[in-house]
Amino acid sequence: MGQRPFSSARRSRQGQPARAISHLQRALADRVRVLGEDHPSTLASRNNLAHAYRSAGDLGRAIPLFEQNLTDTERVRCYRPPMEGQPD
């Protein structure tokens, strides 16, 4: 589980986005299985996979992952946008 994201980033930079995506998909599946959907490492893995899809030009897969990750991160961190007229 530990080295996969690093080797995936290297593959993506080396022009092998399909291999990088494959590794990142497995890393995300591992993290979901072991750590759960809401663990910060799972959220980071989902974000990494979304970036890999974006880099490969697959916005149809990237955008939903980015959106899911934003929603989950806000929920997990109890994000509350500032009310209008209130200081940040």
Protein backbone atom coordinates (compact mmCIF):
# COMPACT_ATOMS: atom_id res chain seq x y z
CA MET A 1 0.00 0.00 0.00
CA GLY A 2 2.86 2.37 0.74
CA GLN A 3 4.95 2.63 -2.45
CA ARG A 4 2.22 2.43 -5.07
CA PRO A 5 1.32 6.14 -5.18
CA PHE A 6 4.98 7.15 -5.55
CA SER A 7 5.66 4.73 -8.39
CA SER A 8 2.39 5.82 -10.01
CA ALA A 9 3.41 9.47 -9.96
CA ARG A 10 6.74 8.53 -11.53
CA ARG A 11 4.98 6.52 -14.26
CA SER A 12 2.64 9.39 -14.97
CA ARG A 13 5.60 11.77 -15.37
CA GLN A 14 7.30 9.22 -17.64
CA GLY A 15 4.36 9.26 -20.04
CA GLN A 16 2.73 6.06 -18.81
CA PRO A 17 -0.62 7.37 -17.55
CA ALA A 18 -2.47 4.07 -18.08
CA ARG A 19 -0.04 2.23 -15.81
CA ALA A 20 -0.16 5.05 -13.28
CA ILE A 21 -3.97 4.95 -13.27
CA SER A 22 -3.97 1.20 -12.80
CA HIS A 23 -1.66 1.48 -9.78
CA LEU A 24 -3.66 4.35 -8.30
CA GLN A 25 -6.93 2.44 -8.72
CA ARG A 26 -5.46 -0.47 -6.76
CA ALA A 27 -4.04 1.86 -4.11
CA LEU A 28 -7.44 3.49 -3.65
CA ALA A 29 -9.20 0.13 -3.42
CA ASP A 30 -6.66 -1.02 -0.81
CA ARG A 31 -7.09 2.12 1.26
CA VAL A 32 -10.89 1.92 1.15
CA ARG A 33 -10.74 -1.74 2.23
CA VAL A 34 -8.19 -1.24 5.01
CA LEU A 35 -8.80 2.32 6.23
CA GLY A 36 -12.35 3.10 5.16
CA GLU A 37 -13.93 5.72 2.91
CA ASP A 38 -13.34 8.69 5.22
CA HIS A 39 -9.71 8.21 6.21
CA PRO A 40 -7.43 11.10 5.12
CA SER A 41 -5.17 8.68 3.23
CA THR A 42 -8.15 7.34 1.31
CA LEU A 43 -9.20 10.87 0.42
CA ALA A 44 -5.64 11.62 -0.73
CA SER A 45 -5.60 8.47 -2.88
CA ARG A 46 -8.90 9.39 -4.49
CA ASN A 47 -7.54 12.85 -5.24
CA ASN A 48 -4.35 11.38 -6.75
CA LEU A 49 -6.43 9.13 -9.01
CA ALA A 50 -8.57 12.08 -10.10
CA HIS A 51 -5.41 14.03 -10.99
CA ALA A 52 -4.11 11.06 -13.00
CA TYR A 53 -7.38 10.85 -14.94
CA ARG A 54 -7.19 14.60 -15.59
CA SER A 55 -3.57 14.31 -16.78
CA ALA A 56 -4.62 11.51 -19.14
CA GLY A 57 -7.39 13.74 -20.53
CA ASP A 58 -10.22 11.65 -19.03
CA LEU A 59 -12.32 14.41 -17.51
CA GLY A 60 -15.38 12.17 -17.50
CA ARG A 61 -13.75 10.16 -14.72
CA ALA A 62 -11.72 12.94 -13.12
CA ILE A 63 -14.50 15.41 -12.40
CA PRO A 64 -16.80 13.03 -10.48
CA LEU A 65 -13.86 11.90 -8.33
CA PHE A 66 -12.87 15.49 -7.60
CA GLU A 67 -16.48 16.30 -6.70
CA GLN A 68 -16.85 13.24 -4.48
CA ASN A 69 -13.58 14.02 -2.77
CA LEU A 70 -14.56 17.61 -2.08
CA THR A 71 -17.91 16.55 -0.63
CA ASP A 72 -16.33 13.85 1.53
CA THR A 73 -13.51 16.10 2.71
CA GLU A 74 -15.92 18.85 3.70
CA ARG A 75 -18.12 16.35 5.54
CA VAL A 76 -15.20 14.69 7.34
CA ARG A 77 -13.64 17.99 8.34
CA CYS A 78 -17.04 19.52 9.23
CA TYR A 79 -16.43 22.42 6.86
CA ARG A 80 -18.85 25.28 7.27
CA PRO A 81 -18.57 28.17 4.82
CA PRO A 82 -18.51 31.56 6.53
CA MET A 83 -21.86 33.29 6.73
CA GLU A 84 -22.28 36.43 4.69
CA GLY A 85 -21.08 39.45 6.62
CA GLN A 86 -19.12 37.34 9.12
CA PRO A 87 -15.32 37.40 9.28
CA ASP A 88 -13.49 34.30 8.04
